Amino acid sequence: MESTIIGEFDTRRSAELAIEHVVQECGVSRSDVFVQPAGGANTAGTHPAGADVKSAPAPEGQQKLEGLIEVSVDFHGDAPEKIADVLRGAGAKTVRTK
């Protein structure tokens, strides 16, 4: 059965980790996994992580962190629950199937 499983993440780092887990643990082709802002804003998430925290130069003014990052997985099998569990395990705030 074909479906799309969508997880929303606070940080780009969590989203990228989720992608690696989905590809490696679930055997999903990387070409079936997509990343984009969950809303209209171009965002790196809602919380600083990774390079945003450790080595980024001090920004002029306030860094803009708003909006979640969406990872969507086009799934062609009959057990989408495993992908949803992997997304949650990687830190997805919400997971839904479309």
C-alpha atoms as a PDB file:
ATOM      1  CA  MET A   1       0.000   0.000   0.000  1.00  0.00           C
ATOM      2  CA  GLU A   2       1.307   3.455  -0.877  1.00  0.00           C
ATOM      3  CA  SER A   3       1.220   6.255   1.696  1.00  0.00           C
ATOM      4  CA  THR A   4       3.175   9.273   2.906  1.00  0.00           C
ATOM      5  CA  ILE A   5       4.311   9.454   6.515  1.00  0.00           C
ATOM      6  CA  ILE A   6       5.147  12.966   7.760  1.00  0.00           C
ATOM      7  CA  GLY A   7       7.090  13.900  10.887  1.00  0.00           C
ATOM      8  CA  GLU A   8       7.692  17.426  12.193  1.00  0.00           C
ATOM      9  CA  PHE A   9      10.941  18.308  13.981  1.00  0.00           C
ATOM     10  CA  ASP A  10      12.239  21.210  16.094  1.00  0.00           C
ATOM     11  CA  THR A  11      15.754  21.129  14.617  1.00  0.00           C
ATOM     12  CA  ARG A  12      17.354  20.427  11.283  1.00  0.00           C
ATOM     13  CA  ARG A  13      19.764  18.082  13.063  1.00  0.00           C
ATOM     14  CA  SER A  14      16.878  15.916  14.357  1.00  0.00           C
ATOM     15  CA  ALA A  15      15.303  15.865  10.899  1.00  0.00           C
ATOM     16  CA  GLU A  16      18.553  14.719   9.297  1.00  0.00           C
ATOM     17  CA  LEU A  17      19.026  12.040  11.953  1.00  0.00           C
ATOM     18  CA  ALA A  18      15.497  10.805  11.275  1.00  0.00           C
ATOM     19  CA  ILE A  19      16.269  10.535   7.565  1.00  0.00           C
ATOM     20  CA  GLU A  20      19.338   8.389   8.236  1.00  0.00           C
ATOM     21  CA  HIS A  21      17.354   6.086  10.524  1.00  0.00           C
ATOM     22  CA  VAL A  22      14.501   5.709   8.039  1.00  0.00           C
ATOM     23  CA  VAL A  23      16.919   4.857   5.227  1.00  0.00           C
ATOM     24  CA  GLN A  24      19.095   2.488   7.255  1.00  0.00           C
ATOM     25  CA  GLU A  25      16.563   0.807   9.555  1.00  0.00           C
ATOM     26  CA  CYS A  26      13.527   0.695   7.282  1.00  0.00           C
ATOM     27  CA  GLY A  27      15.239   0.200   3.929  1.00  0.00           C
ATOM     28  CA  VAL A  28      13.506   3.207   2.362  1.00  0.00           C
ATOM     29  CA  SER A  29      15.294   4.663  -0.662  1.00  0.00           C
ATOM     30  CA  ARG A  30      16.776   8.109   0.045  1.00  0.00           C
ATOM     31  CA  SER A  31      14.973   9.368  -3.064  1.00  0.00           C
ATOM     32  CA  ASP A  32      11.653   8.661  -1.273  1.00  0.00           C
ATOM     33  CA  VAL A  33      12.473  10.955   1.673  1.00  0.00           C
ATOM     34  CA  PHE A  34      11.949  14.737   1.513  1.00  0.00           C
ATOM     35  CA  VAL A  35      12.763  17.662   3.838  1.00  0.00           C
ATOM     36  CA  GLN A  36      11.121  21.078   3.818  1.00  0.00           C
ATOM     37  CA  PRO A  37       9.826  23.748   6.184  1.00  0.00           C
ATOM     38  CA  ALA A  38       6.478  22.721   7.656  1.00  0.00           C
ATOM     39  CA  GLY A  39       5.097  26.214   6.999  1.00  0.00           C
ATOM     40  CA  GLY A  40       5.803  29.132   4.735  1.00  0.00           C
ATOM     41  CA  ALA A  41       8.933  30.366   6.536  1.00  0.00           C
ATOM     42  CA  ASN A  42      12.407  29.332   5.434  1.00  0.00           C
ATOM     43  CA  THR A  43      13.625  27.887   8.715  1.00  0.00           C
ATOM     44  CA  ALA A  44      16.292  25.867  10.458  1.00  0.00           C
ATOM     45  CA  GLY A  45      13.761  24.779  13.078  1.00  0.00           C
ATOM     46  CA  THR A  46      12.539  26.206  16.342  1.00  0.00           C
ATOM     47  CA  HIS A  47      15.608  25.463  18.505  1.00  0.00           C
ATOM     48  CA  PRO A  48      19.331  25.898  17.815  1.00  0.00           C
ATOM     49  CA  ALA A  49      21.268  22.637  17.393  1.00  0.00           C
ATOM     50  CA  GLY A  50      24.597  21.383  16.150  1.00  0.00           C
ATOM     51  CA  ALA A  51      26.577  24.096  14.368  1.00  0.00           C
ATOM     52  CA  ASP A  52      23.912  26.666  15.295  1.00  0.00           C
ATOM     53  CA  VAL A  53      25.011  26.297  18.912  1.00  0.00           C
ATOM     54  CA  LYS A  54      28.685  25.331  18.876  1.00  0.00           C
ATOM     55  CA  SER A  55      30.658  27.025  16.132  1.00  0.00           C
ATOM     56  CA  ALA A  56      28.423  29.521  14.408  1.00  0.00           C
ATOM     57  CA  PRO A  57      29.719  33.096  14.516  1.00  0.00           C
ATOM     58  CA  ALA A  58      27.773  35.495  16.661  1.00  0.00           C
ATOM     59  CA  PRO A  59      24.925  36.760  14.481  1.00  0.00           C
ATOM     60  CA  GLU A  60      24.184  40.392  13.966  1.00  0.00           C
ATOM     61  CA  GLY A  61      20.866  40.939  15.655  1.00  0.00           C
ATOM     62  CA  GLN A  62      18.680  38.014  16.659  1.00  0.00           C
ATOM     63  CA  GLN A  63      18.743  34.681  14.824  1.00  0.00           C
ATOM     64  CA  LYS A  64      15.364  33.803  13.422  1.00  0.00           C
ATOM     65  CA  LEU A  65      14.313  30.312  14.457  1.00  0.00           C
ATOM     66  CA  GLU A  66      10.659  29.774  13.777  1.00  0.00           C
ATOM     67  CA  GLY A  67       8.703  26.981  12.249  1.00  0.00           C
ATOM     68  CA  LEU A  68       9.115  23.238  12.279  1.00  0.00           C
ATOM     69  CA  ILE A  69      10.952  21.129   9.746  1.00  0.00           C
ATOM     70  CA  GLU A  70       8.954  18.470   7.942  1.00  0.00           C
ATOM     71  CA  VAL A  71      10.325  15.090   6.874  1.00  0.00           C
ATOM     72  CA  SER A  72       8.010  13.181   4.548  1.00  0.00           C
ATOM     73  CA  VAL A  73       8.540   9.579   3.506  1.00  0.00           C
ATOM     74  CA  ASP A  74       6.832   8.044   0.479  1.00  0.00           C
ATOM     75  CA  PHE A  75       6.212   4.477   1.610  1.00  0.00           C
ATOM     76  CA  HIS A  76       5.324   1.602  -0.696  1.00  0.00           C
ATOM     77  CA  GLY A  77       4.927  -1.237   1.823  1.00  0.00           C
ATOM     78  CA  ASP A  78       2.257  -2.477   4.173  1.00  0.00           C
ATOM     79  CA  ALA A  79       3.719  -1.505   7.597  1.00  0.00           C
ATOM     80  CA  PRO A  80       3.948   2.310   7.818  1.00  0.00           C
ATOM     81  CA  GLU A  81       3.886   2.070  11.636  1.00  0.00           C
ATOM     82  CA  LYS A  82       7.596   1.154  11.653  1.00  0.00           C
ATOM     83  CA  ILE A  83       8.498   4.377   9.847  1.00  0.00           C
ATOM     84  CA  ALA A  84       6.270   6.401  12.189  1.00  0.00           C
ATOM     85  CA  ASP A  85       8.012   4.792  15.188  1.00  0.00           C
ATOM     86  CA  VAL A  86      11.458   5.598  13.750  1.00  0.00           C
ATOM     87  CA  LEU A  87      10.449   9.242  13.167  1.00  0.00           C
ATOM     88  CA  ARG A  88       9.157   9.500  16.746  1.00  0.00           C
ATOM     89  CA  GLY A  89      12.328   7.864  18.062  1.00  0.00           C
ATOM     90  CA  ALA A  90      14.417  10.494  16.266  1.00  0.00           C
ATOM     91  CA  GLY A  91      12.439  13.291  17.942  1.00  0.00           C
ATOM     92  CA  ALA A  92       9.401  14.031  15.778  1.00  0.00           C
ATOM     93  CA  LYS A  93       6.943  16.232  17.656  1.00  0.00           C
ATOM     94  CA  THR A  94       4.066  14.938  15.544  1.00  0.00           C
ATOM     95  CA  VAL A  95       3.682  12.140  13.001  1.00  0.00           C
ATOM     96  CA  ARG A  96       0.795  11.760  10.583  1.00  0.00           C
ATOM     97  CA  THR A  97      -0.033   9.638   7.541  1.00  0.00           C
ATOM     98  CA  LYS A  98      -1.373  11.119   4.343  1.00  0.00           C
END
